[in-house]
C-alpha atoms as a PDB file:
ATOM      1  CA  UNK A   1     -19.382  -5.045  -9.828  1.00  0.00           C
ATOM      2  CA  UNK A   2     -16.488  -3.607  -7.817  1.00  0.00           C
ATOM      3  CA  UNK A   3     -18.836  -2.600  -5.016  1.00  0.00           C
ATOM      4  CA  UNK A   4     -20.285  -6.123  -4.840  1.00  0.00           C
ATOM      5  CA  UNK A   5     -16.760  -7.544  -4.702  1.00  0.00           C
ATOM      6  CA  UNK A   6     -15.927  -5.124  -1.884  1.00  0.00           C
ATOM      7  CA  UNK A   7     -19.038  -6.208   0.046  1.00  0.00           C
ATOM      8  CA  UNK A   8     -18.110  -9.878  -0.486  1.00  0.00           C
ATOM      9  CA  UNK A   9     -14.583  -9.302   0.843  1.00  0.00           C
ATOM     10  CA  UNK A  10     -15.859  -7.409   3.907  1.00  0.00           C
ATOM     11  CA  UNK A  11     -18.406 -10.137   4.612  1.00  0.00           C
ATOM     12  CA  UNK A  12     -15.726 -12.822   4.183  1.00  0.00           C
ATOM     13  CA  UNK A  13     -13.406 -11.007   6.610  1.00  0.00           C
ATOM     14  CA  UNK A  14     -16.172 -10.709   9.197  1.00  0.00           C
ATOM     15  CA  UNK A  15     -17.064 -14.400   8.903  1.00  0.00           C
ATOM     16  CA  UNK A  16     -13.389 -15.390   9.040  1.00  0.00           C
ATOM     17  CA  UNK A  17     -12.833 -13.314  12.163  1.00  0.00           C
ATOM     18  CA  UNK A  18     -15.855 -14.917  13.806  1.00  0.00           C
ATOM     19  CA  UNK A  19     -14.792 -18.440  12.861  1.00  0.00           C
ATOM     20  CA  UNK A  20     -11.266 -17.845  14.106  1.00  0.00           C
ATOM     21  CA  UNK A  21     -12.459 -16.643  17.522  1.00  0.00           C
ATOM     22  CA  UNK A  22     -15.494 -18.895  17.947  1.00  0.00           C
ATOM     23  CA  UNK A  23     -15.133 -22.215  19.685  1.00  0.00           C
ATOM     24  CA  UNK A  24     -16.695 -24.195  16.800  1.00  0.00           C
ATOM     25  CA  UNK A  25     -15.613 -27.803  17.149  1.00  0.00           C
ATOM     26  CA  UNK A  26     -18.291 -29.257  14.866  1.00  0.00           C
ATOM     27  CA  UNK A  27     -17.027 -27.491  11.764  1.00  0.00           C
ATOM     28  CA  UNK A  28     -14.529 -29.272   9.540  1.00  0.00           C
ATOM     29  CA  UNK A  29     -13.192 -25.800   8.666  1.00  0.00           C
ATOM     30  CA  UNK A  30     -12.494 -25.104  12.329  1.00  0.00           C
ATOM     31  CA  UNK A  31     -10.846 -28.501  12.659  1.00  0.00           C
ATOM     32  CA  UNK A  32      -8.650 -27.800   9.636  1.00  0.00           C
ATOM     33  CA  UNK A  33      -7.677 -24.376  11.002  1.00  0.00           C
ATOM     34  CA  UNK A  34      -6.890 -26.003  14.369  1.00  0.00           C
ATOM     35  CA  UNK A  35      -4.664 -28.574  12.629  1.00  0.00           C
ATOM     36  CA  UNK A  36      -2.743 -25.801  10.885  1.00  0.00           C
ATOM     37  CA  UNK A  37      -2.170 -24.028  14.186  1.00  0.00           C
ATOM     38  CA  UNK A  38      -1.328 -27.206  16.060  1.00  0.00           C
ATOM     39  CA  UNK A  39       1.092 -28.455  13.411  1.00  0.00           C
ATOM     40  CA  UNK A  40       3.367 -25.403  13.516  1.00  0.00           C
ATOM     41  CA  UNK A  41       2.294 -22.806  16.070  1.00  0.00           C
ATOM     42  CA  UNK A  42       5.681 -21.077  16.062  1.00  0.00           C
ATOM     43  CA  UNK A  43       5.499 -20.567  12.269  1.00  0.00           C
ATOM     44  CA  UNK A  44       2.293 -18.551  12.317  1.00  0.00           C
ATOM     45  CA  UNK A  45       2.761 -15.133  13.869  1.00  0.00           C
ATOM     46  CA  UNK A  46      -0.779 -13.837  13.380  1.00  0.00           C
ATOM     47  CA  UNK A  47      -4.016 -14.683  11.627  1.00  0.00           C
ATOM     48  CA  UNK A  48      -3.285 -11.929   9.075  1.00  0.00           C
ATOM     49  CA  UNK A  49      -1.677 -14.334   6.603  1.00  0.00           C
ATOM     50  CA  UNK A  50      -4.576 -16.788   6.873  1.00  0.00           C
ATOM     51  CA  UNK A  51      -7.203 -14.096   6.335  1.00  0.00           C
ATOM     52  CA  UNK A  52      -5.289 -12.561   3.431  1.00  0.00           C
ATOM     53  CA  UNK A  53      -4.630 -15.852   1.645  1.00  0.00           C
ATOM     54  CA  UNK A  54      -8.199 -17.092   2.040  1.00  0.00           C
ATOM     55  CA  UNK A  55      -9.524 -13.783   0.679  1.00  0.00           C
ATOM     56  CA  UNK A  56      -7.012 -13.583  -2.168  1.00  0.00           C
ATOM     57  CA  UNK A  57      -7.645 -17.119  -3.385  1.00  0.00           C
ATOM     58  CA  UNK A  58     -11.294 -16.199  -3.981  1.00  0.00           C
ATOM     59  CA  UNK A  59     -10.137 -13.472  -6.377  1.00  0.00           C
ATOM     60  CA  UNK A  60      -7.737 -15.934  -8.014  1.00  0.00           C
ATOM     61  CA  UNK A  61     -10.578 -18.408  -8.576  1.00  0.00           C
ATOM     62  CA  UNK A  62     -12.724 -15.646 -10.102  1.00  0.00           C
ATOM     63  CA  UNK A  63      -9.846 -14.686 -12.402  1.00  0.00           C
ATOM     64  CA  UNK A  64      -9.345 -18.302 -13.489  1.00  0.00           C
ATOM     65  CA  UNK A  65     -13.073 -18.720 -14.242  1.00  0.00           C
ATOM     66  CA  UNK A  66     -13.033 -15.587 -16.400  1.00  0.00           C
ATOM     67  CA  UNK A  67      -9.649 -15.961 -18.150  1.00  0.00           C
ATOM     68  CA  UNK A  68      -9.085 -19.752 -18.046  1.00  0.00           C
ATOM     69  CA  UNK A  69      -5.583 -19.260 -16.631  1.00  0.00           C
ATOM     70  CA  UNK A  70      -3.953 -18.111 -13.412  1.00  0.00           C
ATOM     71  CA  UNK A  71      -3.103 -14.452 -12.897  1.00  0.00           C
ATOM     72  CA  UNK A  72       0.518 -13.442 -13.531  1.00  0.00           C
ATOM     73  CA  UNK A  73       0.705 -10.511 -11.099  1.00  0.00           C
ATOM     74  CA  UNK A  74      -1.288  -9.060  -8.216  1.00  0.00           C
ATOM     75  CA  UNK A  75      -2.631  -6.164 -10.300  1.00  0.00           C
ATOM     76  CA  UNK A  76      -4.480  -8.701 -12.488  1.00  0.00           C
ATOM     77  CA  UNK A  77      -6.905  -9.300  -9.611  1.00  0.00           C
ATOM     78  CA  UNK A  78      -9.891  -7.243  -8.516  1.00  0.00           C
ATOM     79  CA  UNK A  79      -8.713  -7.361  -4.907  1.00  0.00           C
ATOM     80  CA  UNK A  80      -8.243  -4.947  -2.024  1.00  0.00           C
ATOM     81  CA  UNK A  81      -6.715  -5.648   1.395  1.00  0.00           C
ATOM     82  CA  UNK A  82      -5.166  -3.901   4.370  1.00  0.00           C
ATOM     83  CA  UNK A  83      -4.196  -5.276   7.772  1.00  0.00           C
ATOM     84  CA  UNK A  84      -6.561  -3.444  10.067  1.00  0.00           C
ATOM     85  CA  UNK A  85      -9.254  -0.970   9.199  1.00  0.00           C
ATOM     86  CA  UNK A  86      -9.075   1.088   6.021  1.00  0.00           C
ATOM     87  CA  UNK A  87     -11.060   3.213   3.618  1.00  0.00           C
ATOM     88  CA  UNK A  88     -11.549   2.226  -0.009  1.00  0.00           C
ATOM     89  CA  UNK A  89      -9.585   5.325  -1.062  1.00  0.00           C
ATOM     90  CA  UNK A  90      -6.515   4.605   1.128  1.00  0.00           C
ATOM     91  CA  UNK A  91      -3.235   4.003  -0.712  1.00  0.00           C
ATOM     92  CA  UNK A  92      -1.664   0.537  -0.840  1.00  0.00           C
ATOM     93  CA  UNK A  93      -4.907  -1.405  -0.361  1.00  0.00           C
ATOM     94  CA  UNK A  94      -4.944  -2.470  -4.005  1.00  0.00           C
ATOM     95  CA  UNK A  95      -1.944  -3.913  -5.833  1.00  0.00           C
ATOM     96  CA  UNK A  96      -0.379  -1.700  -8.502  1.00  0.00           C
ATOM     97  CA  UNK A  97       1.183  -2.955 -11.754  1.00  0.00           C
ATOM     98  CA  UNK A  98       4.647  -2.073 -10.430  1.00  0.00           C
ATOM     99  CA  UNK A  99       4.091  -4.474  -7.496  1.00  0.00           C
ATOM    100  CA  UNK A 100       4.297  -7.373  -9.926  1.00  0.00           C
ATOM    101  CA  UNK A 101       4.266 -10.746  -8.177  1.00  0.00           C
ATOM    102  CA  UNK A 102       5.314  -9.413  -4.749  1.00  0.00           C
ATOM    103  CA  UNK A 103       2.934  -7.200  -2.752  1.00  0.00           C
ATOM    104  CA  UNK A 104       2.915  -5.859   0.818  1.00  0.00           C
ATOM    105  CA  UNK A 105      -0.547  -4.417   1.509  1.00  0.00           C
ATOM    106  CA  UNK A 106      -1.034  -1.438   3.810  1.00  0.00           C
ATOM    107  CA  UNK A 107       0.138  -2.135   7.392  1.00  0.00           C
ATOM    108  CA  UNK A 108       0.758  -5.819   6.608  1.00  0.00           C
ATOM    109  CA  UNK A 109       3.234  -7.951   8.502  1.00  0.00           C
ATOM    110  CA  UNK A 110       3.873 -10.090   5.431  1.00  0.00           C
ATOM    111  CA  UNK A 111       4.899  -9.810   1.823  1.00  0.00           C
ATOM    112  CA  UNK A 112       2.653 -11.882  -0.416  1.00  0.00           C
ATOM    113  CA  UNK A 113       4.106 -13.652  -3.438  1.00  0.00           C
ATOM    114  CA  UNK A 114       2.168 -14.863  -6.440  1.00  0.00           C
ATOM    115  CA  UNK A 115       3.891 -17.835  -8.053  1.00  0.00           C
ATOM    116  CA  UNK A 116       2.445 -18.776 -11.444  1.00  0.00           C
ATOM    117  CA  UNK A 117       3.780 -21.471 -13.787  1.00  0.00           C
ATOM    118  CA  UNK A 118       4.879 -20.303 -17.238  1.00  0.00           C
ATOM    119  CA  UNK A 119       1.880 -21.971 -18.858  1.00  0.00           C
ATOM    120  CA  UNK A 120      -0.518 -20.248 -16.422  1.00  0.00           C
ATOM    121  CA  UNK A 121      -2.185 -23.536 -15.486  1.00  0.00           C
ATOM    122  CA  UNK A 122      -1.173 -23.516 -11.835  1.00  0.00           C
ATOM    123  CA  UNK A 123      -0.353 -20.924  -9.222  1.00  0.00           C
ATOM    124  CA  UNK A 124       0.031 -20.461  -5.504  1.00  0.00           C
ATOM    125  CA  UNK A 125       0.071 -17.542  -3.102  1.00  0.00           C
ATOM    126  CA  UNK A 126       2.708 -17.448  -0.381  1.00  0.00           C
ATOM    127  CA  UNK A 127       2.927 -15.356   2.804  1.00  0.00           C
ATOM    128  CA  UNK A 128       6.570 -14.419   3.480  1.00  0.00           C
ATOM    129  CA  UNK A 129       7.624 -13.059   6.873  1.00  0.00           C
ATOM    130  CA  UNK A 130      10.055 -10.197   7.522  1.00  0.00           C
ATOM    131  CA  UNK A 131      12.970 -12.637   7.618  1.00  0.00           C
ATOM    132  CA  UNK A 132      12.213 -13.682   4.035  1.00  0.00           C
ATOM    133  CA  UNK A 133      10.874 -17.109   4.957  1.00  0.00           C
ATOM    134  CA  UNK A 134       7.615 -18.431   3.526  1.00  0.00           C
ATOM    135  CA  UNK A 135       5.161 -19.335   6.290  1.00  0.00           C
ATOM    136  CA  UNK A 136       1.861 -20.213   4.630  1.00  0.00           C
ATOM    137  CA  UNK A 137       0.657 -20.883   1.109  1.00  0.00           C
ATOM    138  CA  UNK A 138      -2.622 -21.502  -0.665  1.00  0.00           C
ATOM    139  CA  UNK A 139      -3.540 -22.744  -4.131  1.00  0.00           C
ATOM    140  CA  UNK A 140      -6.865 -22.294  -5.958  1.00  0.00           C
ATOM    141  CA  UNK A 141      -7.945 -25.854  -5.095  1.00  0.00           C
ATOM    142  CA  UNK A 142      -7.373 -25.352  -1.350  1.00  0.00           C
ATOM    143  CA  UNK A 143      -9.863 -24.001   1.200  1.00  0.00           C
ATOM    144  CA  UNK A 144      -7.306 -23.193   3.900  1.00  0.00           C
ATOM    145  CA  UNK A 145      -3.660 -22.168   3.831  1.00  0.00           C
ATOM    146  CA  UNK A 146      -1.024 -24.740   4.721  1.00  0.00           C
ATOM    147  CA  UNK A 147       2.428 -24.276   6.266  1.00  0.00           C
ATOM    148  CA  UNK A 148       5.306 -23.968   3.813  1.00  0.00           C
ATOM    149  CA  UNK A 149       7.695 -26.860   4.297  1.00  0.00           C
END
């Protein structure tokens, strides 16, 4: 199961990288991504936050389907991530229980927050830059991250 999840994440990252660099104007996904970039280009320092949030929300959706509530901390998810290449055995590619709701994956430029309501019915993931300002967020019902206002 974990291996299949790993393969899914790698495939998703490859497809995301292709879609980000391809000049695909017919895709509504590409148009949405373009709107995000056009609406606040100075707020998005790199595609890292977009790739991370889109990958993480898949794990959140899986968790919700299985547990019928949102996760409370990063370690609840079956999720691995690092900015750049990594091996499955590298440290800091999986959240630990002590990371709680705030996690900075290996070599990441962002800290990622998991905000879950007390009742566990809603949650959102937020990419926070080094200045402590939220840049992008995503919720389980969203396909693409949106700028934090």
